N, C-alpha and C. Protein backbone atom coordinates (compact mmCIF):
# COMPACT_ATOMS: atom_id res chain seq x y z
N MET A 1 30.88 -121.26 120.26
CA MET A 1 30.14 -122.45 119.89
C MET A 1 28.87 -122.03 119.16
N ARG A 2 28.57 -122.71 118.07
CA ARG A 2 27.38 -122.42 117.29
C ARG A 2 26.29 -123.42 117.64
N TRP A 3 25.06 -122.95 117.65
CA TRP A 3 23.94 -123.82 117.90
C TRP A 3 23.15 -124.00 116.62
N PHE A 4 22.94 -125.25 116.23
CA PHE A 4 22.11 -125.56 115.08
C PHE A 4 21.05 -126.56 115.52
N PRO A 5 19.80 -126.32 115.20
CA PRO A 5 18.73 -127.25 115.58
C PRO A 5 18.98 -128.63 115.00
N SER A 6 18.55 -129.67 115.70
CA SER A 6 18.77 -131.03 115.23
C SER A 6 17.80 -131.43 114.13
N SER A 7 16.64 -130.82 114.05
CA SER A 7 15.66 -131.15 113.02
C SER A 7 16.00 -130.45 111.71
N PRO A 8 16.17 -131.19 110.59
CA PRO A 8 16.50 -130.54 109.32
C PRO A 8 15.42 -129.54 108.88
N LEU A 9 14.13 -129.86 109.14
CA LEU A 9 13.06 -128.96 108.73
C LEU A 9 13.10 -127.68 109.55
N LEU A 10 13.32 -127.80 110.87
CA LEU A 10 13.41 -126.62 111.73
C LEU A 10 14.62 -125.79 111.35
N CYS A 11 15.75 -126.44 111.11
CA CYS A 11 16.96 -125.73 110.72
C CYS A 11 16.74 -124.98 109.41
N THR A 12 16.10 -125.62 108.43
CA THR A 12 15.82 -124.98 107.15
C THR A 12 14.90 -123.80 107.33
N ALA A 13 13.84 -123.96 108.14
CA ALA A 13 12.91 -122.86 108.36
C ALA A 13 13.60 -121.69 109.03
N LEU A 14 14.45 -121.98 110.02
CA LEU A 14 15.17 -120.90 110.70
C LEU A 14 16.18 -120.24 109.78
N LEU A 15 16.84 -121.02 108.94
CA LEU A 15 17.81 -120.45 107.99
C LEU A 15 17.09 -119.54 107.01
N CYS A 16 15.92 -119.98 106.48
CA CYS A 16 15.14 -119.14 105.56
C CYS A 16 14.70 -117.85 106.23
N ALA A 17 14.40 -117.92 107.51
CA ALA A 17 13.95 -116.73 108.22
C ALA A 17 15.12 -115.85 108.65
N GLY A 18 16.35 -116.34 108.44
CA GLY A 18 17.52 -115.55 108.82
C GLY A 18 17.88 -115.67 110.28
N LEU A 19 17.33 -116.69 110.98
CA LEU A 19 17.59 -116.84 112.41
C LEU A 19 18.78 -117.74 112.71
N VAL A 20 19.26 -118.49 111.73
CA VAL A 20 20.43 -119.33 111.89
C VAL A 20 21.43 -118.91 110.82
N TRP A 21 22.65 -118.68 111.22
CA TRP A 21 23.67 -118.27 110.26
C TRP A 21 24.44 -119.48 109.77
N PRO A 22 24.86 -119.47 108.49
CA PRO A 22 25.72 -120.55 108.03
C PRO A 22 27.02 -120.50 108.81
N ALA A 23 27.71 -121.62 108.90
CA ALA A 23 28.91 -121.72 109.73
C ALA A 23 29.92 -120.62 109.46
N ALA A 24 30.16 -120.27 108.20
CA ALA A 24 31.17 -119.27 107.88
C ALA A 24 30.75 -117.87 108.30
N ALA A 25 29.45 -117.63 108.46
CA ALA A 25 28.98 -116.29 108.76
C ALA A 25 28.44 -116.16 110.18
N ALA A 26 28.62 -117.20 111.00
CA ALA A 26 28.07 -117.17 112.34
C ALA A 26 28.74 -116.08 113.17
N PRO A 27 27.95 -115.36 113.97
CA PRO A 27 28.55 -114.33 114.81
C PRO A 27 29.37 -114.96 115.92
N ALA A 28 30.40 -114.29 116.37
CA ALA A 28 31.28 -114.81 117.39
C ALA A 28 30.63 -114.74 118.76
N THR A 29 29.67 -113.85 118.98
CA THR A 29 29.01 -113.71 120.27
C THR A 29 27.51 -113.80 120.07
N ARG A 30 26.78 -113.75 121.18
CA ARG A 30 25.33 -113.80 121.10
C ARG A 30 24.71 -112.43 120.88
N ALA A 31 25.52 -111.41 120.68
CA ALA A 31 25.01 -110.06 120.46
C ALA A 31 24.23 -110.02 119.16
N ALA A 32 23.32 -109.06 119.04
CA ALA A 32 22.53 -108.90 117.82
C ALA A 32 23.47 -108.64 116.65
N PRO A 33 23.14 -109.17 115.46
CA PRO A 33 24.00 -108.95 114.30
C PRO A 33 24.10 -107.46 113.98
N ALA A 34 25.27 -107.08 113.51
CA ALA A 34 25.49 -105.68 113.13
C ALA A 34 24.67 -105.36 111.89
N ALA A 35 24.45 -104.08 111.66
CA ALA A 35 23.73 -103.64 110.46
C ALA A 35 24.49 -104.11 109.23
N PRO A 36 23.79 -104.49 108.17
CA PRO A 36 24.45 -104.96 106.96
C PRO A 36 25.40 -103.90 106.41
N THR A 37 26.56 -104.38 105.94
CA THR A 37 27.52 -103.45 105.36
C THR A 37 27.84 -103.81 103.92
N ALA A 38 27.86 -105.10 103.62
CA ALA A 38 28.18 -105.52 102.26
C ALA A 38 26.92 -105.45 101.40
N PRO A 39 27.07 -105.13 100.10
CA PRO A 39 25.89 -105.03 99.23
C PRO A 39 25.06 -106.31 99.20
N HIS A 40 25.69 -107.50 99.31
CA HIS A 40 24.91 -108.73 99.26
C HIS A 40 24.11 -108.98 100.53
N GLU A 41 24.26 -108.12 101.54
CA GLU A 41 23.51 -108.28 102.78
C GLU A 41 22.38 -107.26 102.91
N GLN A 42 22.20 -106.41 101.93
CA GLN A 42 21.19 -105.35 102.03
C GLN A 42 19.78 -105.92 101.99
N ALA A 43 18.90 -105.31 102.76
CA ALA A 43 17.49 -105.71 102.80
C ALA A 43 16.76 -105.13 101.60
N VAL A 44 15.58 -105.68 101.31
CA VAL A 44 14.76 -105.23 100.20
C VAL A 44 13.60 -104.41 100.77
N SER A 45 13.31 -103.28 100.17
CA SER A 45 12.18 -102.47 100.62
C SER A 45 10.88 -103.07 100.09
N ALA A 46 9.77 -102.73 100.72
CA ALA A 46 8.46 -103.28 100.34
C ALA A 46 8.12 -102.98 98.88
N ALA A 47 8.56 -101.85 98.36
CA ALA A 47 8.24 -101.48 96.98
C ALA A 47 9.02 -102.29 95.96
N GLU A 48 10.07 -102.97 96.40
CA GLU A 48 10.94 -103.70 95.48
C GLU A 48 10.70 -105.20 95.46
N TYR A 49 9.70 -105.72 96.19
CA TYR A 49 9.47 -107.16 96.22
C TYR A 49 9.22 -107.70 94.82
N TRP A 50 9.70 -108.92 94.56
CA TRP A 50 9.57 -109.55 93.27
C TRP A 50 8.28 -110.36 93.19
N LEU A 51 7.83 -110.60 91.95
CA LEU A 51 6.64 -111.42 91.71
C LEU A 51 7.03 -112.90 91.68
N PRO A 52 6.16 -113.79 92.13
CA PRO A 52 6.45 -115.22 91.99
C PRO A 52 6.59 -115.58 90.51
N PRO A 53 7.64 -116.30 90.11
CA PRO A 53 7.89 -116.57 88.69
C PRO A 53 6.90 -117.51 88.02
N LEU A 54 6.13 -118.26 88.81
CA LEU A 54 5.17 -119.19 88.22
C LEU A 54 3.75 -118.68 88.35
N GLY A 55 3.58 -117.44 88.80
CA GLY A 55 2.27 -116.81 88.81
C GLY A 55 1.39 -117.13 90.00
N TYR A 56 1.92 -117.73 91.03
CA TYR A 56 1.13 -118.01 92.23
C TYR A 56 2.03 -117.82 93.44
N THR A 57 1.50 -118.02 94.61
CA THR A 57 2.30 -117.84 95.82
C THR A 57 3.45 -118.83 95.83
N LEU A 58 4.47 -118.52 96.59
CA LEU A 58 5.65 -119.38 96.65
C LEU A 58 5.41 -120.59 97.54
N THR A 59 5.44 -121.76 96.94
CA THR A 59 5.39 -123.02 97.66
C THR A 59 6.72 -123.70 97.38
N LEU A 60 7.56 -123.77 98.39
CA LEU A 60 8.90 -124.30 98.19
C LEU A 60 8.92 -125.81 98.26
N GLU A 61 9.53 -126.40 97.25
CA GLU A 61 9.77 -127.83 97.27
C GLU A 61 11.07 -128.10 98.02
N ARG A 62 12.03 -127.20 97.84
CA ARG A 62 13.31 -127.30 98.54
C ARG A 62 13.82 -125.87 98.75
N PRO A 63 14.09 -125.49 100.02
CA PRO A 63 14.52 -124.12 100.29
C PRO A 63 16.03 -123.92 100.06
N PHE A 64 16.43 -122.67 100.13
CA PHE A 64 17.84 -122.27 100.07
C PHE A 64 18.58 -122.89 101.26
N GLN A 65 19.77 -123.40 101.00
CA GLN A 65 20.63 -123.92 102.07
C GLN A 65 22.00 -123.34 101.85
N ALA A 66 22.38 -122.39 102.68
CA ALA A 66 23.67 -121.71 102.52
C ALA A 66 24.82 -122.69 102.73
N PRO A 67 25.83 -122.63 101.87
CA PRO A 67 27.01 -123.45 102.09
C PRO A 67 27.85 -122.87 103.23
N ALA A 68 28.65 -123.70 103.86
CA ALA A 68 29.52 -123.23 104.95
C ALA A 68 30.56 -122.25 104.42
N ASN A 69 30.99 -122.45 103.18
CA ASN A 69 31.91 -121.51 102.54
C ASN A 69 31.62 -121.52 101.04
N ARG A 70 32.31 -120.71 100.31
CA ARG A 70 32.03 -120.52 98.89
C ARG A 70 32.07 -121.83 98.08
N TYR A 71 32.85 -122.80 98.49
CA TYR A 71 33.06 -124.01 97.69
C TYR A 71 32.44 -125.27 98.27
N SER A 72 31.77 -125.18 99.40
CA SER A 72 31.20 -126.39 100.00
C SER A 72 29.77 -126.63 99.50
N ALA A 73 29.25 -127.78 99.90
CA ALA A 73 27.91 -128.17 99.46
C ALA A 73 26.85 -127.25 100.04
N GLY A 74 25.77 -127.13 99.33
CA GLY A 74 24.63 -126.33 99.76
C GLY A 74 23.59 -126.35 98.64
N HIS A 75 22.51 -125.66 98.83
CA HIS A 75 21.51 -125.53 97.79
C HIS A 75 21.37 -124.04 97.52
N ARG A 76 21.99 -123.57 96.46
CA ARG A 76 22.17 -122.15 96.18
C ARG A 76 20.97 -121.54 95.45
N GLY A 77 19.83 -121.67 96.05
CA GLY A 77 18.59 -121.16 95.50
C GLY A 77 17.45 -121.91 96.13
N PHE A 78 16.26 -121.83 95.54
CA PHE A 78 15.16 -122.65 96.02
C PHE A 78 14.46 -123.27 94.84
N ASP A 79 13.74 -124.36 95.10
CA ASP A 79 12.99 -125.08 94.08
C ASP A 79 11.50 -124.87 94.30
N LEU A 80 10.80 -124.56 93.21
CA LEU A 80 9.34 -124.42 93.22
C LEU A 80 8.75 -125.58 92.44
N PRO A 81 7.66 -126.18 92.92
CA PRO A 81 7.04 -127.28 92.16
C PRO A 81 6.57 -126.77 90.80
N ALA A 82 6.93 -127.48 89.76
CA ALA A 82 6.55 -127.11 88.39
C ALA A 82 6.61 -128.36 87.52
N THR A 83 5.98 -128.28 86.37
CA THR A 83 6.05 -129.37 85.40
C THR A 83 6.48 -128.80 84.06
N SER A 84 7.00 -129.66 83.21
CA SER A 84 7.42 -129.23 81.88
C SER A 84 6.27 -128.53 81.18
N GLY A 85 6.55 -127.38 80.58
CA GLY A 85 5.55 -126.62 79.87
C GLY A 85 4.98 -125.45 80.67
N ASP A 86 5.21 -125.42 82.01
CA ASP A 86 4.74 -124.28 82.81
C ASP A 86 5.45 -123.01 82.36
N TRP A 87 4.72 -121.92 82.27
CA TRP A 87 5.30 -120.63 81.87
C TRP A 87 6.02 -120.01 83.05
N VAL A 88 7.17 -119.41 82.76
CA VAL A 88 7.97 -118.73 83.78
C VAL A 88 8.01 -117.25 83.44
N SER A 89 7.60 -116.42 84.40
CA SER A 89 7.59 -114.97 84.21
C SER A 89 8.75 -114.33 84.97
N ALA A 90 9.20 -113.19 84.49
CA ALA A 90 10.27 -112.45 85.15
C ALA A 90 9.73 -111.86 86.45
N PRO A 91 10.33 -112.19 87.58
CA PRO A 91 9.86 -111.64 88.85
C PRO A 91 10.21 -110.16 89.00
N VAL A 92 11.17 -109.71 88.19
CA VAL A 92 11.68 -108.35 88.27
C VAL A 92 12.21 -107.96 86.89
N SER A 93 12.23 -106.68 86.60
CA SER A 93 12.76 -106.22 85.31
C SER A 93 14.28 -106.35 85.29
N GLY A 94 14.82 -106.54 84.09
CA GLY A 94 16.27 -106.64 83.95
C GLY A 94 16.68 -106.92 82.53
N THR A 95 17.95 -107.30 82.37
CA THR A 95 18.53 -107.61 81.07
C THR A 95 19.02 -109.05 81.06
N VAL A 96 18.64 -109.81 80.05
CA VAL A 96 19.09 -111.20 79.94
C VAL A 96 20.61 -111.20 79.72
N THR A 97 21.31 -111.96 80.56
CA THR A 97 22.76 -112.08 80.39
C THR A 97 23.14 -113.44 79.81
N PHE A 98 22.22 -114.43 79.94
CA PHE A 98 22.49 -115.75 79.37
C PHE A 98 21.16 -116.46 79.14
N SER A 99 21.07 -117.15 78.02
CA SER A 99 19.92 -118.00 77.72
C SER A 99 20.44 -119.14 76.86
N GLY A 100 20.51 -120.32 77.46
CA GLY A 100 21.04 -121.46 76.71
C GLY A 100 21.26 -122.67 77.59
N ARG A 101 21.98 -123.64 77.05
CA ARG A 101 22.21 -124.91 77.73
C ARG A 101 23.49 -124.84 78.56
N VAL A 102 23.38 -125.35 79.79
CA VAL A 102 24.54 -125.51 80.67
C VAL A 102 24.52 -126.97 81.09
N VAL A 103 25.45 -127.73 80.61
CA VAL A 103 25.58 -129.17 80.84
C VAL A 103 24.31 -129.90 80.42
N ASP A 104 23.40 -130.19 81.37
CA ASP A 104 22.22 -130.99 81.07
C ASP A 104 20.91 -130.24 81.27
N ARG A 105 20.96 -128.90 81.28
CA ARG A 105 19.74 -128.12 81.52
C ARG A 105 19.76 -126.79 80.79
N GLU A 106 18.57 -126.28 80.50
CA GLU A 106 18.41 -124.95 79.91
C GLU A 106 18.37 -123.93 81.05
N VAL A 107 19.08 -122.82 80.88
CA VAL A 107 19.20 -121.81 81.92
C VAL A 107 18.92 -120.43 81.32
N VAL A 108 18.24 -119.59 82.10
CA VAL A 108 18.05 -118.18 81.75
C VAL A 108 18.53 -117.36 82.94
N SER A 109 19.41 -116.39 82.69
CA SER A 109 19.90 -115.49 83.74
C SER A 109 19.56 -114.06 83.37
N VAL A 110 19.12 -113.29 84.37
CA VAL A 110 18.72 -111.90 84.17
C VAL A 110 19.47 -111.03 85.17
N ARG A 111 20.14 -109.99 84.64
CA ARG A 111 20.82 -109.02 85.50
C ARG A 111 19.79 -107.98 85.90
N VAL A 112 19.60 -107.84 87.21
CA VAL A 112 18.62 -106.92 87.77
C VAL A 112 19.22 -105.53 87.95
N ASN A 113 20.46 -105.49 88.40
CA ASN A 113 21.22 -104.26 88.61
C ASN A 113 22.70 -104.63 88.55
N PRO A 114 23.61 -103.69 88.71
CA PRO A 114 25.03 -104.04 88.58
C PRO A 114 25.52 -105.13 89.53
N GLN A 115 24.83 -105.33 90.66
CA GLN A 115 25.27 -106.34 91.63
C GLN A 115 24.49 -107.65 91.56
N THR A 116 23.25 -107.64 91.05
CA THR A 116 22.33 -108.77 91.24
C THR A 116 21.96 -109.48 89.95
N VAL A 117 22.09 -110.81 89.97
CA VAL A 117 21.69 -111.66 88.84
C VAL A 117 20.78 -112.76 89.39
N VAL A 118 19.65 -112.97 88.70
CA VAL A 118 18.74 -114.06 89.07
C VAL A 118 18.75 -115.07 87.92
N SER A 119 18.83 -116.37 88.28
CA SER A 119 18.88 -117.44 87.28
C SER A 119 17.76 -118.44 87.50
N PHE A 120 17.30 -119.02 86.39
CA PHE A 120 16.20 -119.98 86.41
C PHE A 120 16.63 -121.22 85.64
N GLU A 121 16.30 -122.39 86.19
CA GLU A 121 16.56 -123.63 85.48
C GLU A 121 15.60 -124.71 85.93
N PRO A 122 15.27 -125.66 85.10
CA PRO A 122 15.48 -125.72 83.67
C PRO A 122 14.41 -124.91 82.92
N VAL A 123 14.82 -123.90 82.20
CA VAL A 123 13.90 -123.03 81.46
C VAL A 123 14.41 -122.82 80.05
N SER A 124 13.58 -123.14 79.08
CA SER A 124 13.89 -122.90 77.68
C SER A 124 13.28 -121.57 77.29
N SER A 125 14.05 -120.75 76.56
CA SER A 125 13.58 -119.41 76.23
C SER A 125 14.00 -119.00 74.83
N GLU A 126 13.19 -118.15 74.22
CA GLU A 126 13.52 -117.54 72.93
C GLU A 126 14.35 -116.27 73.12
N LEU A 127 14.50 -115.82 74.36
CA LEU A 127 15.27 -114.61 74.64
C LEU A 127 16.75 -114.86 74.43
N ALA A 128 17.49 -113.78 74.16
CA ALA A 128 18.94 -113.85 73.96
C ALA A 128 19.62 -112.83 74.86
N ALA A 129 20.90 -113.04 75.10
CA ALA A 129 21.68 -112.09 75.91
C ALA A 129 21.52 -110.70 75.32
N GLY A 130 21.25 -109.72 76.19
CA GLY A 130 21.06 -108.35 75.77
C GLY A 130 19.60 -107.94 75.70
N ASP A 131 18.67 -108.91 75.61
CA ASP A 131 17.24 -108.59 75.60
C ASP A 131 16.83 -108.06 76.97
N THR A 132 15.96 -107.07 76.99
CA THR A 132 15.44 -106.58 78.25
C THR A 132 14.09 -107.23 78.50
N VAL A 133 13.80 -107.46 79.78
CA VAL A 133 12.51 -108.04 80.18
C VAL A 133 11.89 -107.16 81.25
N ASP A 134 10.59 -107.01 81.16
CA ASP A 134 9.85 -106.26 82.16
C ASP A 134 9.35 -107.21 83.24
N ARG A 135 9.12 -106.68 84.41
CA ARG A 135 8.57 -107.44 85.51
C ARG A 135 7.25 -108.06 85.05
N GLY A 136 7.10 -109.38 85.20
CA GLY A 136 5.90 -110.09 84.80
C GLY A 136 5.91 -110.61 83.37
N ALA A 137 6.91 -110.22 82.57
CA ALA A 137 6.99 -110.68 81.18
C ALA A 137 7.40 -112.16 81.12
N LEU A 138 6.98 -112.82 80.06
CA LEU A 138 7.32 -114.23 79.87
C LEU A 138 8.82 -114.40 79.62
N LEU A 139 9.47 -115.26 80.42
CA LEU A 139 10.89 -115.59 80.22
C LEU A 139 11.04 -116.83 79.36
N GLY A 140 10.19 -117.81 79.58
CA GLY A 140 10.28 -119.07 78.86
C GLY A 140 9.37 -120.09 79.50
N VAL A 141 9.67 -121.37 79.23
CA VAL A 141 8.88 -122.46 79.80
C VAL A 141 9.78 -123.46 80.51
N VAL A 142 9.24 -124.07 81.54
CA VAL A 142 9.97 -125.10 82.28
C VAL A 142 10.19 -126.29 81.36
N THR A 143 11.40 -126.81 81.35
CA THR A 143 11.73 -128.02 80.58
C THR A 143 12.18 -129.09 81.56
N SER A 144 13.10 -129.93 81.19
CA SER A 144 13.62 -130.95 82.11
C SER A 144 15.13 -130.86 82.14
N GLY A 145 15.71 -131.41 83.19
CA GLY A 145 17.16 -131.43 83.31
C GLY A 145 17.63 -130.94 84.66
N GLY A 146 18.91 -131.16 84.92
CA GLY A 146 19.48 -130.74 86.20
C GLY A 146 18.93 -131.53 87.35
N HIS A 147 19.08 -130.99 88.54
CA HIS A 147 18.60 -131.72 89.71
C HIS A 147 17.08 -131.71 89.81
N CYS A 148 16.43 -130.84 89.05
CA CYS A 148 14.96 -130.77 89.09
C CYS A 148 14.30 -131.87 88.27
N ALA A 149 15.02 -132.46 87.36
CA ALA A 149 14.43 -133.44 86.43
C ALA A 149 13.25 -132.79 85.73
N THR A 150 12.01 -133.19 86.05
CA THR A 150 10.85 -132.57 85.41
C THR A 150 9.85 -132.04 86.43
N GLU A 151 10.25 -131.97 87.70
CA GLU A 151 9.25 -131.62 88.70
C GLU A 151 9.44 -130.29 89.41
N CYS A 152 10.39 -129.46 89.00
CA CYS A 152 10.55 -128.19 89.70
C CYS A 152 11.24 -127.13 88.86
N LEU A 153 11.13 -125.90 89.36
CA LEU A 153 11.86 -124.76 88.80
C LEU A 153 12.83 -124.31 89.87
N HIS A 154 14.12 -124.25 89.53
CA HIS A 154 15.14 -123.77 90.47
C HIS A 154 15.39 -122.30 90.20
N LEU A 155 15.38 -121.49 91.25
CA LEU A 155 15.65 -120.06 91.15
C LEU A 155 16.81 -119.74 92.08
N GLY A 156 17.86 -119.13 91.54
CA GLY A 156 19.01 -118.73 92.34
C GLY A 156 19.31 -117.26 92.15
N VAL A 157 19.82 -116.61 93.19
CA VAL A 157 20.17 -115.19 93.13
C VAL A 157 21.61 -115.01 93.59
N ARG A 158 22.38 -114.27 92.78
CA ARG A 158 23.75 -113.92 93.15
C ARG A 158 23.84 -112.41 93.31
N VAL A 159 24.44 -111.98 94.41
CA VAL A 159 24.71 -110.57 94.64
C VAL A 159 26.22 -110.45 94.83
N ASP A 160 26.85 -109.65 93.98
CA ASP A 160 28.31 -109.52 94.00
C ASP A 160 28.98 -110.90 93.94
N ASP A 161 28.44 -111.77 93.07
CA ASP A 161 28.95 -113.12 92.85
C ASP A 161 28.81 -114.07 94.04
N TRP A 162 28.03 -113.72 95.03
CA TRP A 162 27.73 -114.60 96.17
C TRP A 162 26.27 -115.02 96.07
N TYR A 163 26.01 -116.31 96.26
CA TYR A 163 24.62 -116.77 96.28
C TYR A 163 23.98 -116.34 97.60
N VAL A 164 22.78 -115.78 97.50
CA VAL A 164 22.04 -115.34 98.68
C VAL A 164 20.67 -116.01 98.68
N ASN A 165 20.00 -115.97 99.82
CA ASN A 165 18.68 -116.56 99.94
C ASN A 165 17.69 -115.74 99.11
N PRO A 166 17.11 -116.32 98.06
CA PRO A 166 16.16 -115.58 97.21
C PRO A 166 14.92 -115.10 97.96
N MET A 167 14.57 -115.72 99.09
CA MET A 167 13.35 -115.35 99.80
C MET A 167 13.36 -113.89 100.24
N ARG A 168 14.54 -113.28 100.39
CA ARG A 168 14.60 -111.87 100.82
C ARG A 168 13.96 -110.96 99.78
N TYR A 169 13.80 -111.43 98.54
CA TYR A 169 13.25 -110.60 97.47
C TYR A 169 11.75 -110.79 97.25
N PHE A 170 11.16 -111.76 97.94
CA PHE A 170 9.75 -112.08 97.73
C PHE A 170 8.93 -111.74 98.98
N ARG A 171 7.74 -111.24 98.77
CA ARG A 171 6.85 -110.88 99.88
C ARG A 171 6.24 -112.14 100.48
N GLY A 172 6.01 -112.09 101.77
CA GLY A 172 5.32 -113.19 102.44
C GLY A 172 6.27 -114.28 102.89
N LYS A 173 5.68 -115.30 103.45
CA LYS A 173 6.44 -116.43 103.97
C LYS A 173 6.26 -117.62 103.04
N PRO A 174 7.33 -118.40 102.85
CA PRO A 174 7.18 -119.57 101.98
C PRO A 174 6.38 -120.66 102.69
N ARG A 175 5.77 -121.51 101.90
CA ARG A 175 5.09 -122.69 102.43
C ARG A 175 5.93 -123.88 102.01
N LEU A 176 6.44 -124.64 102.97
CA LEU A 176 7.26 -125.80 102.66
C LEU A 176 6.38 -127.02 102.45
N LEU A 177 6.75 -127.82 101.44
CA LEU A 177 6.02 -129.06 101.17
C LEU A 177 6.52 -130.16 102.10
N PRO A 178 5.69 -131.17 102.39
CA PRO A 178 6.12 -132.27 103.25
C PRO A 178 7.28 -133.05 102.60
N TRP A 179 8.07 -133.71 103.42
CA TRP A 179 9.24 -134.47 102.94
C TRP A 179 8.86 -135.67 102.12
N ASP A 180 7.73 -136.30 102.38
CA ASP A 180 7.38 -137.55 101.67
C ASP A 180 6.64 -137.33 100.42
């Protein structure tokens, strides 16, 4: 039997902290979780922490919400409060793999290493696939579109094609905004 807190805010905070497992990954017993074995479960060392993409501490408008399985609903990244025209910086060095429109939003994706890709939306950029970016370099500017409309920047991270909680790559604890 799995235990999930009844409060959505408490559940979200515990999920961000790694204290609640999504249904598909819940341990069968109450024993401590085993050491990570898959590349998408590896921890980040202090020297590898990423910079906040908007140039200030992370204030989450909406946190990561792991889906129960690969195809179910969830929030595969987190949203940071932003407005159209805000500059977006690369939190980590990498190579642009995509810069363009996806349905109703502008997207920029950066490959960090052979396993890890970080994506930003809605972000308009002059960069093209194959361009390299340094940590802290300008990626583009926040535009409008997608579920963010004009009030946020969505950041998602995939490791070995699985979405993971981006907070593992950033130093410190997120500050959640009130629901209202």
